Protein backbone atom coordinates (compact mmCIF):
# COMPACT_ATOMS: atom_id res chain seq x y z
CA UNK A 1 143.72 64.28 132.84
CA UNK A 2 140.05 62.39 133.32
CA UNK A 3 140.63 61.88 137.30
CA UNK A 4 141.06 66.08 137.49
CA UNK A 5 137.80 68.00 138.47
CA UNK A 6 138.00 71.94 138.83
CA UNK A 7 135.24 73.67 140.93
CA UNK A 8 134.01 76.77 139.29
CA UNK A 9 132.30 79.64 141.42
CA UNK A 10 130.14 82.43 139.54
CA UNK A 11 129.01 84.70 142.00
CA UNK A 12 125.37 86.59 141.63
CA UNK A 13 125.03 85.14 137.75
CA UNK A 14 121.88 87.02 138.20
CA UNK A 15 122.34 90.58 138.68
CA UNK A 16 125.81 90.39 137.35
CA UNK A 17 126.52 89.84 133.57
CA UNK A 18 126.98 93.19 131.42
CA UNK A 19 128.06 92.36 127.91
CA UNK A 20 128.07 88.64 128.32
CA UNK A 21 130.66 88.84 131.02
CA UNK A 22 129.19 84.95 131.40
CA UNK A 23 131.06 83.72 128.34
CA UNK A 24 134.03 84.13 130.57
CA UNK A 25 132.59 81.13 132.88
CA UNK A 26 131.58 79.61 129.51
CA UNK A 27 135.11 79.58 128.01
CA UNK A 28 136.43 78.33 130.62
CA UNK A 29 134.82 75.12 131.04
CA UNK A 30 134.78 74.19 127.35
CA UNK A 31 139.15 74.48 127.02
CA UNK A 32 139.11 72.24 129.86
CA UNK A 33 136.43 69.79 128.85
CA UNK A 34 138.00 69.67 125.00
CA UNK A 35 141.11 68.51 127.42
CA UNK A 36 139.23 65.96 129.26
CA UNK A 37 139.36 67.72 132.80
CA UNK A 38 135.76 68.30 134.14
CA UNK A 39 134.37 70.91 135.63
CA UNK A 40 131.55 71.98 138.02
CA UNK A 41 130.02 75.25 137.77
CA UNK A 42 128.54 76.40 141.20
CA UNK A 43 126.04 79.51 140.31
CA UNK A 44 126.53 81.54 143.95
CA UNK A 45 123.37 83.85 144.88
CA UNK A 46 123.44 86.24 147.56
CA UNK A 47 123.25 84.71 150.70
CA UNK A 48 124.19 81.45 149.83
CA UNK A 49 126.34 80.35 152.56
CA UNK A 50 130.10 79.08 150.71
CA UNK A 51 133.92 78.44 151.55
CA UNK A 52 135.98 80.41 148.75
CA UNK A 53 139.06 78.22 149.60
CA UNK A 54 136.66 74.90 148.37
CA UNK A 55 136.94 77.16 144.49
CA UNK A 56 139.31 76.58 141.64
CA UNK A 57 138.23 79.48 139.77
CA UNK A 58 136.09 82.42 140.97
CA UNK A 59 134.63 84.97 138.29
CA UNK A 60 132.85 88.23 139.34
CA UNK A 61 131.31 90.34 137.02
CA UNK A 62 129.89 93.63 137.19
CA UNK A 63 126.57 95.25 137.28
CA UNK A 64 124.71 98.69 137.80
CA UNK A 65 124.77 100.39 140.98
CA UNK A 66 122.16 98.97 142.33
CA UNK A 67 123.26 95.62 141.83
CA UNK A 68 126.92 96.54 143.05
CA UNK A 69 125.14 97.64 146.50
CA UNK A 70 123.61 94.23 147.14
CA UNK A 71 126.66 92.58 146.07
CA UNK A 72 129.07 94.71 148.42
CA UNK A 73 126.72 94.22 151.02
CA UNK A 74 126.50 90.64 150.66
CA UNK A 75 130.42 89.79 150.33
CA UNK A 76 131.23 92.01 153.05
CA UNK A 77 130.00 89.35 155.66
CA UNK A 78 132.26 86.89 153.32
CA UNK A 79 135.53 89.34 153.46
CA UNK A 80 137.80 86.99 156.18
CA UNK A 81 137.02 83.48 153.61
CA UNK A 82 137.57 85.59 150.22
CA UNK A 83 140.92 86.61 151.85
CA UNK A 84 142.00 83.70 153.24
CA UNK A 85 141.29 82.06 149.63
CA UNK A 86 143.10 84.74 147.93
CA UNK A 87 146.48 84.32 149.74
CA UNK A 88 145.87 80.31 149.30
CA UNK A 89 146.21 81.29 145.45
CA UNK A 90 142.56 80.65 144.25
CA UNK A 91 142.47 81.95 140.80
CA UNK A 92 140.16 84.80 140.09
CA UNK A 93 139.16 86.60 137.28
CA UNK A 94 136.74 90.33 138.52
CA UNK A 95 135.28 92.98 135.69
CA UNK A 96 134.56 96.02 135.85
CA UNK A 97 132.52 96.66 139.07
CA UNK A 98 133.76 93.31 140.77
CA UNK A 99 137.24 94.81 140.50
CA UNK A 100 136.51 98.21 142.02
CA UNK A 101 134.75 96.60 145.00
CA UNK A 102 137.97 94.55 145.75
CA UNK A 103 139.55 98.00 146.43
CA UNK A 104 139.76 100.23 149.07
CA UNK A 105 137.09 102.63 148.35
CA UNK A 106 135.01 104.62 145.41
CA UNK A 107 134.39 108.10 145.90
CA UNK A 108 131.55 109.65 143.59
CA UNK A 109 131.58 113.43 141.88
CA UNK A 110 130.34 114.61 145.44
CA UNK A 111 133.14 113.39 147.18
CA UNK A 112 130.93 110.61 149.31
CA UNK A 113 133.44 107.50 149.54
CA UNK A 114 132.36 104.17 149.43
CA UNK A 115 133.92 101.44 151.27
CA UNK A 116 135.40 99.02 149.10
CA UNK A 117 136.36 95.01 150.61
CA UNK A 118 139.70 97.09 150.93
CA UNK A 119 141.35 93.45 149.70
CA UNK A 120 143.92 94.72 146.69
CA UNK A 121 145.61 97.87 147.23
CA UNK A 122 143.92 100.44 144.79
CA UNK A 123 140.77 103.19 145.23
CA UNK A 124 138.16 104.03 142.00
CA UNK A 125 137.25 107.70 141.65
CA UNK A 126 134.21 108.83 139.68
CA UNK A 127 135.29 110.18 136.34
CA UNK A 128 133.34 113.25 134.46
CA UNK A 129 134.48 111.27 131.11
CA UNK A 130 132.83 107.88 130.40
CA UNK A 131 136.08 105.56 129.16
CA UNK A 132 134.29 103.57 126.20
CA UNK A 133 135.46 101.56 123.64
CA UNK A 134 137.73 98.86 122.32
CA UNK A 135 141.14 98.19 123.90
CA UNK A 136 144.20 96.22 123.93
CA UNK A 137 145.90 95.31 126.50
CA UNK A 138 150.11 93.43 126.66
CA UNK A 139 149.74 91.08 129.15
CA UNK A 140 152.84 88.94 130.39
CA UNK A 141 152.07 84.98 130.53
CA UNK A 142 154.87 82.87 131.79
CA UNK A 143 158.04 83.31 128.66
CA UNK A 144 155.99 85.92 126.46
CA UNK A 145 153.61 88.79 126.21
CA UNK A 146 150.48 87.96 124.69
CA UNK A 147 148.54 91.18 123.11
CA UNK A 148 144.57 90.77 124.27
CA UNK A 149 141.87 92.55 122.99
CA UNK A 150 138.47 93.51 124.73
CA UNK A 151 136.26 95.98 124.85
CA UNK A 152 136.22 99.10 128.08
CA UNK A 153 133.22 101.16 129.17
CA UNK A 154 133.57 103.14 132.83
CA UNK A 155 133.76 106.12 134.29
CA UNK A 156 135.54 104.92 137.15
CA UNK A 157 139.15 105.37 137.13
CA UNK A 158 141.37 103.03 138.99
CA UNK A 159 144.67 103.93 140.91
CA UNK A 160 147.12 101.62 141.60
CA UNK A 161 149.02 101.47 144.83
CA UNK A 162 151.37 98.72 145.74
CA UNK A 163 149.84 96.16 143.33
CA UNK A 164 150.85 95.38 139.83
CA UNK A 165 148.61 95.81 137.05
CA UNK A 166 147.21 93.35 134.79
CA UNK A 167 148.87 94.65 132.33
CA UNK A 168 150.06 97.77 129.80
CA UNK A 169 147.74 99.22 127.57
CA UNK A 170 148.19 99.50 124.18
CA UNK A 171 145.13 100.63 122.59
CA UNK A 172 142.47 102.07 124.45
CA UNK A 173 142.14 104.12 128.12
CA UNK A 174 142.44 101.23 130.58
CA UNK A 175 142.57 101.54 134.38
CA UNK A 176 141.66 105.47 133.91
CA UNK A 177 143.40 107.02 130.87
CA UNK A 178 146.44 108.48 132.02
CA UNK A 179 148.88 106.13 133.43
CA UNK A 180 148.82 103.55 130.42
CA UNK A 181 147.74 100.73 133.48
CA UNK A 182 144.96 98.19 132.69
CA UNK A 183 143.61 96.59 135.48
CA UNK A 184 145.58 94.63 139.09
CA UNK A 185 147.00 91.57 139.85
CA UNK A 186 147.51 90.09 143.20
CA UNK A 187 149.12 86.41 143.34
CA UNK A 188 146.00 84.66 141.08
CA UNK A 189 143.65 87.44 141.48
CA UNK A 190 143.09 89.23 137.65
CA UNK A 191 140.95 92.47 137.50
CA UNK A 192 140.02 94.12 134.76
CA UNK A 193 138.04 96.19 132.96
CA UNK A 194 137.53 94.78 129.86
CA UNK A 195 134.09 92.78 128.41
CA UNK A 196 133.61 91.27 125.40
CA UNK A 197 133.70 89.00 126.76
CA UNK A 198 137.29 88.63 127.96
CA UNK A 199 137.97 84.84 127.92
CA UNK A 200 136.83 83.63 124.92
CA UNK A 201 138.35 86.19 122.50
CA UNK A 202 141.72 85.66 124.61
CA UNK A 203 142.08 82.02 124.28
CA UNK A 204 146.07 82.22 125.76
CA UNK A 205 144.78 83.84 128.72
CA UNK A 206 142.42 81.48 129.62
CA UNK A 207 144.66 79.05 128.73
CA UNK A 208 147.22 80.51 131.81
CA UNK A 209 143.91 80.65 134.50
CA UNK A 210 143.59 76.86 133.37
CA UNK A 211 146.90 75.67 134.39
CA UNK A 212 146.95 77.83 137.07
CA UNK A 213 144.44 76.39 138.79
CA UNK A 214 145.62 72.70 138.55
CA UNK A 215 149.16 73.83 139.54
CA UNK A 216 147.50 75.02 142.39
CA UNK A 217 146.06 71.85 142.66
CA UNK A 218 149.69 70.29 142.75
CA UNK A 219 148.84 68.79 139.30
CA UNK A 220 150.68 69.23 136.08
CA UNK A 221 149.64 72.77 134.67
CA UNK A 222 150.62 71.01 130.45
CA UNK A 223 148.01 71.50 128.54
CA UNK A 224 147.39 69.90 125.31
CA UNK A 225 147.66 72.26 122.72
CA UNK A 226 143.76 73.22 121.04
CA UNK A 227 142.83 74.62 117.40
CA UNK A 228 142.95 78.36 117.95
CA UNK A 229 142.81 79.27 114.52
CA UNK A 230 139.33 80.75 114.53
CA UNK A 231 139.53 82.62 117.85
CA UNK A 232 142.96 83.67 116.53
CA UNK A 233 142.20 85.26 113.81
CA UNK A 234 139.13 87.30 114.98
CA UNK A 235 141.87 88.51 117.74
CA UNK A 236 143.99 89.37 114.64
CA UNK A 237 141.54 91.51 113.62
CA UNK A 238 140.56 93.50 116.60
CA UNK A 239 144.15 94.32 117.17
CA UNK A 240 145.12 95.35 113.11
CA UNK A 241 142.04 97.54 113.98
CA UNK A 242 143.42 99.25 116.75
CA UNK A 243 146.68 99.66 114.70
CA UNK A 244 148.91 97.13 117.31
CA UNK A 245 150.26 94.64 114.50
């Protein structure tokens, strides 16, 4: 596929990089390049003019409250363009604070309601207990369920409306520690609380995102197999610790 180039937008890399989540970009790019798929990574900072519909893969991470406030203010002026890209099938991964921002609102412990971008049907409210630790989730990809591992650390509790979860919790807390859901999915937008970073730990998930990006461009989504022995072994160790296997 040497004639294919995928464009990756990494939003606010200088602000949002908790728990090494930049590794999601690295994993996506490397697994493309190992197959001869060229990747252009564009780092998008506050105030830059962009058109989201030009991106094949968008990554939005999490940060501190101050950093997320800056991100929310900047993205609010781009809301319509981001919505159009979602509807057009842009592949998106939003982690933790980036996930929460795409929803309707965040309600603090004091009852203050902080508006989100209201692009996806869910809301988040502050909890009194922090949800933290290793997590395993069953996620549906075409033809099978993959067991994905990651690390969660959030006090916000997210509740889904008319939107599908990213997956079902096998071990850990997930969205709110109560209903067994983890993350959210709308079209090719995937939201999750799983750090880790997520994609290097779970190559099947990374390849799924690559296929979706290629198919959106009208290309064959076939990917040549790679030797994932190291990654799979590491994932199996964590799943064993969480008593999933």
